[in-house]
N, C-alpha and C. Protein backbone atom coordinates (compact mmCIF):
# COMPACT_ATOMS: atom_id res chain seq x y z
N MET A 1 -27.83 -35.85 8.11
CA MET A 1 -27.98 -36.40 9.76
C MET A 1 -28.28 -35.47 10.59
N ARG A 2 -29.28 -35.72 11.32
CA ARG A 2 -30.03 -34.89 12.18
C ARG A 2 -29.48 -35.04 13.61
N VAL A 3 -29.15 -33.68 13.66
CA VAL A 3 -28.62 -33.78 15.46
C VAL A 3 -29.45 -32.78 16.38
N THR A 4 -29.33 -33.33 17.65
CA THR A 4 -29.99 -32.41 18.23
C THR A 4 -28.89 -31.75 19.75
N GLY A 5 -29.23 -30.12 19.96
CA GLY A 5 -28.27 -29.57 20.54
C GLY A 5 -28.88 -29.58 21.93
N LYS A 6 -28.54 -28.48 22.58
CA LYS A 6 -29.02 -27.60 23.91
C LYS A 6 -30.70 -27.18 23.48
N SER A 7 -31.22 -27.42 24.17
CA SER A 7 -32.47 -26.98 24.20
C SER A 7 -33.60 -27.73 23.43
N ARG A 8 -33.44 -28.63 23.25
CA ARG A 8 -33.91 -29.45 22.06
C ARG A 8 -33.34 -29.30 20.62
N TYR A 9 -32.57 -28.11 20.20
CA TYR A 9 -32.62 -27.33 19.21
C TYR A 9 -32.06 -28.25 17.98
N GLU A 10 -32.93 -28.86 17.19
CA GLU A 10 -32.15 -29.79 16.01
C GLU A 10 -31.80 -29.04 14.98
N ALA A 11 -31.35 -30.12 14.19
CA ALA A 11 -30.32 -29.22 12.84
C ALA A 11 -30.47 -30.41 11.84
N ARG A 12 -30.49 -30.34 10.20
CA ARG A 12 -30.03 -31.26 9.53
C ARG A 12 -28.97 -30.71 8.96
N LEU A 13 -27.81 -31.78 9.33
CA LEU A 13 -26.53 -31.41 8.66
C LEU A 13 -26.09 -32.33 7.91
N PRO A 14 -25.24 -31.81 6.62
CA PRO A 14 -24.92 -32.91 5.55
C PRO A 14 -24.13 -33.39 5.96
N LEU A 15 -23.57 -34.81 5.47
CA LEU A 15 -22.59 -35.94 6.00
C LEU A 15 -21.77 -36.66 5.00
N PRO A 16 -20.25 -35.99 4.50
CA PRO A 16 -19.51 -36.27 4.15
C PRO A 16 -19.37 -37.81 3.51
N GLN A 17 -18.89 -38.59 2.61
CA GLN A 17 -18.93 -39.27 2.33
C GLN A 17 -18.38 -40.51 3.18
N ASP A 18 -17.07 -40.20 3.85
CA ASP A 18 -16.19 -40.83 4.41
C ASP A 18 -16.67 -40.97 5.66
N VAL A 19 -17.26 -39.84 6.70
CA VAL A 19 -18.20 -40.01 7.35
C VAL A 19 -19.31 -41.21 7.51
N GLY A 20 -20.17 -40.71 6.88
CA GLY A 20 -21.16 -41.93 6.44
C GLY A 20 -20.48 -43.30 6.26
N ASP A 21 -19.64 -43.12 5.32
CA ASP A 21 -18.96 -44.87 5.53
C ASP A 21 -18.20 -45.23 6.71
N ALA A 22 -18.18 -43.97 7.55
CA ALA A 22 -17.54 -44.71 8.71
C ALA A 22 -18.68 -45.09 9.93
N ILE A 23 -19.77 -44.29 9.85
CA ILE A 23 -20.79 -44.45 10.62
C ILE A 23 -21.85 -46.10 9.83
N ALA A 24 -21.54 -46.23 8.96
CA ALA A 24 -21.96 -47.58 8.50
C ALA A 24 -21.44 -48.95 8.97
N ALA A 25 -19.96 -48.33 8.94
CA ALA A 25 -19.42 -49.91 9.19
C ALA A 25 -19.50 -49.41 10.87
N TYR A 26 -19.37 -48.79 11.76
CA TYR A 26 -19.88 -49.20 13.37
C TYR A 26 -20.77 -49.79 13.16
N LEU A 27 -22.20 -48.90 12.50
CA LEU A 27 -23.59 -49.62 12.95
C LEU A 27 -23.62 -51.17 12.43
N GLU A 28 -23.15 -51.88 11.72
CA GLU A 28 -22.42 -53.34 11.15
C GLU A 28 -22.43 -53.55 12.35
N CYS A 29 -21.12 -53.32 13.02
CA CYS A 29 -20.31 -53.99 14.27
C CYS A 29 -20.77 -53.73 15.81
N ARG A 30 -21.89 -53.05 16.03
CA ARG A 30 -22.25 -52.54 17.54
C ARG A 30 -23.36 -53.87 17.56
N PRO A 31 -23.03 -53.86 19.09
CA PRO A 31 -24.37 -54.68 19.38
C PRO A 31 -26.16 -54.59 18.78
N SER A 32 -26.57 -55.55 18.04
CA SER A 32 -27.94 -55.74 17.35
C SER A 32 -28.98 -55.63 18.65
N CYS A 33 -28.48 -55.93 19.88
CA CYS A 33 -29.95 -56.21 20.50
C CYS A 33 -30.61 -55.03 20.90
N CYS A 34 -30.08 -54.35 20.55
CA CYS A 34 -30.67 -52.82 20.96
C CYS A 34 -31.15 -51.89 19.52
N ARG A 35 -32.08 -52.07 19.02
CA ARG A 35 -32.77 -51.13 17.42
C ARG A 35 -32.99 -50.11 18.21
N SER A 36 -32.65 -48.90 17.61
CA SER A 36 -32.41 -47.66 17.78
C SER A 36 -32.13 -46.79 16.64
N ASP A 37 -32.50 -45.57 16.44
CA ASP A 37 -32.17 -44.97 15.56
C ASP A 37 -31.17 -43.80 16.06
N ARG A 38 -30.62 -43.70 17.25
CA ARG A 38 -29.60 -43.26 17.65
C ARG A 38 -28.53 -43.69 17.19
N VAL A 39 -27.17 -43.21 16.88
CA VAL A 39 -25.74 -43.93 16.54
C VAL A 39 -25.20 -44.20 17.82
N PHE A 40 -25.02 -43.24 18.82
CA PHE A 40 -24.51 -43.72 20.18
C PHE A 40 -25.08 -44.46 20.97
N LEU A 41 -24.51 -45.48 21.41
CA LEU A 41 -25.37 -46.27 22.26
C LEU A 41 -24.47 -46.49 23.76
N SER A 42 -24.55 -46.51 24.72
CA SER A 42 -24.09 -47.51 25.94
C SER A 42 -23.37 -48.62 25.71
N THR A 43 -22.07 -49.00 26.03
CA THR A 43 -21.39 -49.92 25.80
C THR A 43 -21.65 -50.93 27.15
N ILE A 44 -22.09 -50.34 27.65
CA ILE A 44 -22.23 -51.23 28.90
C ILE A 44 -23.69 -52.00 29.04
N ALA A 45 -23.62 -53.17 29.06
CA ALA A 45 -24.74 -53.93 28.84
C ALA A 45 -25.66 -53.80 30.28
N PRO A 46 -27.05 -53.78 29.38
CA PRO A 46 -27.74 -53.59 28.08
C PRO A 46 -27.51 -52.40 26.98
N SER A 47 -26.49 -52.75 25.91
CA SER A 47 -26.75 -51.50 25.18
C SER A 47 -28.16 -51.03 24.79
N ARG A 48 -28.08 -49.27 25.28
CA ARG A 48 -29.17 -48.58 24.87
C ARG A 48 -28.92 -47.15 24.52
N PRO A 49 -29.71 -46.18 24.10
CA PRO A 49 -29.53 -45.04 23.91
C PRO A 49 -29.04 -44.26 25.24
N PHE A 50 -28.28 -43.20 25.19
CA PHE A 50 -28.02 -42.53 26.59
C PHE A 50 -29.09 -42.27 27.19
N ARG A 51 -29.54 -42.47 28.46
CA ARG A 51 -30.72 -41.73 29.34
C ARG A 51 -31.00 -39.99 29.20
N ASN A 52 -29.68 -39.40 29.28
CA ASN A 52 -29.90 -38.02 29.13
C ASN A 52 -28.98 -37.56 28.14
N GLY A 53 -28.68 -36.60 27.74
CA GLY A 53 -27.98 -35.80 26.76
C GLY A 53 -26.72 -35.88 26.66
N ASP A 54 -25.89 -36.02 28.06
CA ASP A 54 -24.56 -36.02 27.97
C ASP A 54 -23.67 -37.16 27.88
N GLY A 55 -24.78 -38.13 27.05
CA GLY A 55 -23.90 -39.26 27.07
C GLY A 55 -21.86 -39.03 26.25
N VAL A 56 -22.14 -38.60 24.74
CA VAL A 56 -20.87 -38.45 24.46
C VAL A 56 -20.27 -37.68 25.55
N SER A 57 -20.74 -36.57 25.84
CA SER A 57 -19.55 -35.80 26.74
C SER A 57 -19.06 -36.88 27.97
N SER A 58 -20.01 -37.64 28.63
CA SER A 58 -19.34 -38.21 29.69
C SER A 58 -18.20 -38.92 29.10
N VAL A 59 -18.48 -39.79 27.52
CA VAL A 59 -17.36 -40.10 26.98
C VAL A 59 -16.39 -40.08 26.53
N VAL A 60 -15.78 -38.57 26.43
CA VAL A 60 -15.37 -37.91 25.90
C VAL A 60 -14.70 -37.40 27.32
N ARG A 61 -15.16 -37.07 28.41
CA ARG A 61 -14.42 -36.44 29.68
C ARG A 61 -13.35 -37.72 29.84
N ARG A 62 -14.04 -39.34 30.07
CA ARG A 62 -13.47 -40.03 30.79
C ARG A 62 -12.49 -40.51 29.66
N ILE A 63 -12.12 -40.28 28.24
CA ILE A 63 -11.22 -41.12 27.49
C ILE A 63 -10.12 -39.48 27.90
N MET A 64 -10.32 -38.27 28.06
CA MET A 64 -9.74 -37.59 27.86
C MET A 64 -8.93 -37.85 29.50
N LYS A 65 -9.20 -38.42 31.03
CA LYS A 65 -8.77 -38.18 31.66
C LYS A 65 -7.70 -39.37 31.59
N ARG A 66 -7.99 -40.29 31.11
CA ARG A 66 -7.72 -41.53 30.91
C ARG A 66 -6.52 -41.80 30.01
N ALA A 67 -6.31 -40.33 29.19
CA ALA A 67 -5.38 -40.38 28.06
C ALA A 67 -4.46 -39.07 29.21
N GLY A 68 -4.74 -38.63 30.15
CA GLY A 68 -4.14 -37.33 31.31
C GLY A 68 -3.97 -36.01 29.70
N VAL A 69 -4.94 -35.95 29.13
CA VAL A 69 -4.98 -34.65 28.91
C VAL A 69 -5.87 -33.62 29.89
N VAL A 70 -5.26 -32.55 30.05
CA VAL A 70 -5.75 -31.79 30.78
C VAL A 70 -6.42 -30.16 30.14
N THR A 71 -7.44 -29.87 30.18
CA THR A 71 -8.10 -28.51 29.70
C THR A 71 -8.86 -28.00 30.60
N PRO A 72 -9.32 -26.97 30.29
CA PRO A 72 -9.83 -25.94 31.05
C PRO A 72 -11.56 -26.09 30.68
N VAL A 73 -11.03 -26.87 29.50
CA VAL A 73 -12.72 -27.25 28.82
C VAL A 73 -12.86 -28.51 28.55
N LYS A 74 -14.06 -29.07 29.14
CA LYS A 74 -14.41 -30.66 29.31
C LYS A 74 -15.28 -31.18 28.62
N GLY A 75 -15.32 -32.50 28.08
CA GLY A 75 -16.14 -33.03 27.48
C GLY A 75 -16.19 -32.75 25.93
N ALA A 76 -17.55 -32.98 25.92
CA ALA A 76 -17.49 -32.77 24.11
C ALA A 76 -17.59 -31.60 23.50
N HIS A 77 -17.86 -30.21 24.94
CA HIS A 77 -17.43 -29.30 24.13
C HIS A 77 -15.76 -28.38 24.25
N ALA A 78 -15.14 -29.66 24.79
CA ALA A 78 -13.80 -29.67 24.33
C ALA A 78 -13.39 -29.74 22.48
N LEU A 79 -14.24 -30.60 22.21
CA LEU A 79 -14.06 -31.25 20.45
C LEU A 79 -14.65 -30.19 19.64
N ARG A 80 -15.61 -29.50 20.27
CA ARG A 80 -16.24 -28.07 19.65
C ARG A 80 -15.10 -26.88 19.49
N HIS A 81 -14.65 -27.16 20.53
CA HIS A 81 -13.50 -25.45 21.31
C HIS A 81 -12.73 -25.87 20.09
N THR A 82 -11.83 -27.06 19.90
CA THR A 82 -10.75 -27.21 19.06
C THR A 82 -11.14 -27.37 17.93
N ALA A 83 -12.58 -27.80 17.45
CA ALA A 83 -12.70 -27.47 15.89
C ALA A 83 -12.72 -26.13 15.53
N ALA A 84 -13.32 -25.07 16.37
CA ALA A 84 -13.97 -23.85 16.19
C ALA A 84 -12.33 -23.13 16.00
N THR A 85 -11.30 -23.34 16.81
CA THR A 85 -10.01 -23.23 17.01
C THR A 85 -9.44 -23.42 15.85
N GLU A 86 -9.12 -24.09 15.30
CA GLU A 86 -8.92 -24.76 14.27
C GLU A 86 -9.29 -24.23 13.00
N MET A 87 -10.56 -24.32 12.98
CA MET A 87 -11.24 -23.21 12.00
C MET A 87 -10.60 -22.06 11.64
N LEU A 88 -11.05 -21.38 12.76
CA LEU A 88 -10.34 -20.05 12.87
C LEU A 88 -8.59 -19.75 12.35
N ARG A 89 -7.86 -20.90 12.96
CA ARG A 89 -6.39 -20.62 12.90
C ARG A 89 -6.55 -21.02 10.88
N HIS A 90 -6.90 -21.46 10.68
CA HIS A 90 -7.38 -21.75 9.15
C HIS A 90 -7.99 -20.92 8.37
N GLY A 91 -8.08 -19.96 8.58
CA GLY A 91 -8.98 -18.46 8.10
C GLY A 91 -10.53 -18.83 7.72
N VAL A 92 -10.98 -19.74 8.48
CA VAL A 92 -12.62 -19.71 8.40
C VAL A 92 -13.40 -18.52 9.04
N PRO A 93 -14.20 -17.78 8.07
CA PRO A 93 -14.45 -16.63 8.88
C PRO A 93 -15.50 -17.43 9.89
N LEU A 94 -15.60 -16.08 10.85
CA LEU A 94 -16.85 -16.45 12.36
C LEU A 94 -18.05 -17.22 11.66
N ASP A 95 -18.78 -16.46 10.93
CA ASP A 95 -20.01 -16.77 10.73
C ASP A 95 -20.08 -18.35 9.73
N LYS A 96 -18.91 -18.51 9.21
CA LYS A 96 -19.56 -20.09 8.70
C LYS A 96 -19.07 -20.74 9.89
N ILE A 97 -17.81 -20.20 10.65
CA ILE A 97 -17.84 -21.04 12.36
C ILE A 97 -18.89 -21.56 12.78
N GLY A 98 -19.78 -20.66 12.65
CA GLY A 98 -21.20 -20.43 13.60
C GLY A 98 -22.02 -21.38 13.14
N LEU A 99 -22.19 -21.58 12.19
CA LEU A 99 -23.01 -22.41 10.87
C LEU A 99 -22.54 -23.67 11.23
N VAL A 100 -21.37 -24.09 11.78
CA VAL A 100 -20.80 -25.73 11.87
C VAL A 100 -21.28 -25.85 13.25
N LEU A 101 -21.03 -24.99 14.10
CA LEU A 101 -21.29 -25.09 15.42
C LEU A 101 -23.04 -24.66 15.82
N ARG A 102 -23.62 -24.66 14.84
CA ARG A 102 -25.30 -24.15 14.83
C ARG A 102 -25.08 -22.87 16.08
N HIS A 103 -24.84 -22.08 15.61
CA HIS A 103 -24.59 -21.06 16.85
C HIS A 103 -26.17 -20.19 15.78
N ARG A 104 -26.85 -19.81 17.08
CA ARG A 104 -27.89 -19.03 16.61
C ARG A 104 -27.10 -17.38 16.54
N GLY A 105 -26.41 -16.77 16.92
CA GLY A 105 -25.99 -15.62 16.93
C GLY A 105 -24.45 -15.32 17.01
N ILE A 106 -24.39 -14.70 15.92
CA ILE A 106 -22.55 -14.28 16.01
C ILE A 106 -21.93 -14.36 17.28
N ASP A 107 -22.33 -13.64 18.57
CA ASP A 107 -21.72 -13.53 19.97
C ASP A 107 -21.35 -14.58 20.42
N SER A 108 -22.17 -15.84 19.93
CA SER A 108 -21.85 -16.99 20.21
C SER A 108 -20.34 -17.69 19.87
N THR A 109 -20.56 -17.40 18.38
CA THR A 109 -18.91 -17.73 17.72
C THR A 109 -17.61 -17.00 18.05
N ALA A 110 -18.00 -15.37 18.76
CA ALA A 110 -17.02 -14.69 19.10
C ALA A 110 -16.46 -14.96 19.70
N HIS A 111 -16.75 -15.52 21.13
CA HIS A 111 -16.20 -16.32 22.20
C HIS A 111 -14.36 -16.93 21.71
N TYR A 112 -14.73 -17.75 20.01
CA TYR A 112 -13.84 -18.37 19.71
C TYR A 112 -12.55 -17.79 19.35
N ALA A 113 -13.45 -16.43 18.79
CA ALA A 113 -11.51 -15.53 18.41
C ALA A 113 -10.69 -15.03 19.41
N LYS A 114 -11.19 -15.29 20.73
CA LYS A 114 -10.09 -14.92 21.53
C LYS A 114 -9.15 -16.15 21.59
N ALA A 115 -9.06 -16.87 21.38
CA ALA A 115 -8.71 -18.31 21.75
C ALA A 115 -7.48 -18.19 21.06
N ASP A 116 -7.33 -17.80 19.44
CA ASP A 116 -5.81 -18.18 19.08
C ASP A 116 -5.53 -16.31 19.24
N VAL A 117 -4.31 -16.77 20.01
CA VAL A 117 -3.65 -15.15 21.14
C VAL A 117 -2.93 -14.59 19.68
N THR A 118 -2.51 -16.02 18.91
CA THR A 118 -1.44 -15.70 17.76
C THR A 118 -1.74 -15.07 16.44
N LEU A 119 -2.56 -15.58 16.10
CA LEU A 119 -3.66 -14.86 14.74
C LEU A 119 -4.36 -13.70 14.97
N LEU A 120 -4.86 -13.58 16.29
CA LEU A 120 -5.30 -12.11 16.81
C LEU A 120 -3.78 -10.68 16.55
N LYS A 121 -2.74 -11.07 16.99
CA LYS A 121 -1.46 -10.78 17.23
C LYS A 121 -1.37 -10.38 15.61
N GLN A 122 -1.58 -11.38 14.91
CA GLN A 122 -1.25 -10.75 13.18
C GLN A 122 -1.72 -10.00 12.47
N VAL A 123 -3.41 -10.06 13.33
CA VAL A 123 -4.57 -9.11 12.14
C VAL A 123 -4.93 -7.77 12.70
N ALA A 124 -3.92 -7.77 14.37
CA ALA A 124 -4.05 -6.42 15.19
C ALA A 124 -3.53 -5.23 14.75
N GLN A 125 -4.33 -4.35 14.85
CA GLN A 125 -4.08 -3.00 14.14
C GLN A 125 -3.24 -1.87 14.97
N PRO A 126 -2.45 -1.21 14.96
CA PRO A 126 -1.82 -0.54 16.03
C PRO A 126 -2.52 0.83 16.28
N TRP A 127 -2.42 0.89 17.66
CA TRP A 127 -3.54 2.02 18.37
C TRP A 127 -3.06 3.28 17.65
N PRO A 128 -3.85 4.24 17.37
CA PRO A 128 -3.68 5.36 16.64
C PRO A 128 -3.99 6.62 17.46
N GLU A 129 -2.32 7.45 17.24
CA GLU A 129 -1.49 8.24 18.17
C GLU A 129 -2.81 9.09 18.17
N ALA A 130 -2.76 9.92 18.99
CA ALA A 130 -3.84 11.07 19.55
C ALA A 130 -3.03 12.26 18.70
N LEU A 131 -3.68 13.09 18.34
CA LEU A 131 -3.69 14.58 17.83
C LEU A 131 -3.43 15.44 18.46
């Protein structure tokens, strides 16, 4: 699957079979009035690709608001943040999380390390006593 991120940074990612099957099923039932190689289209007629890169974020933001989900992180970034935090909680190393999130440097991924305070307390070492 080809994914375009910030600054038009493009990556090709593997697609698990179940996800591919779900996308194929979605593509079969979505409106056929717009031929596009993009997966996500506007549901408001006329169905067409989103005009700018925040289409998914605006949908996620709207759904979170409708569901009453209150979080400091909004839009699609909330999904990325949740995925990173869950991977961290399950012991996935930061460099692997960075690969999934397509971060170019470990510093970007390290931001998520502070999110799991419980895990940090488990791995924290006692401060060495002064001699």
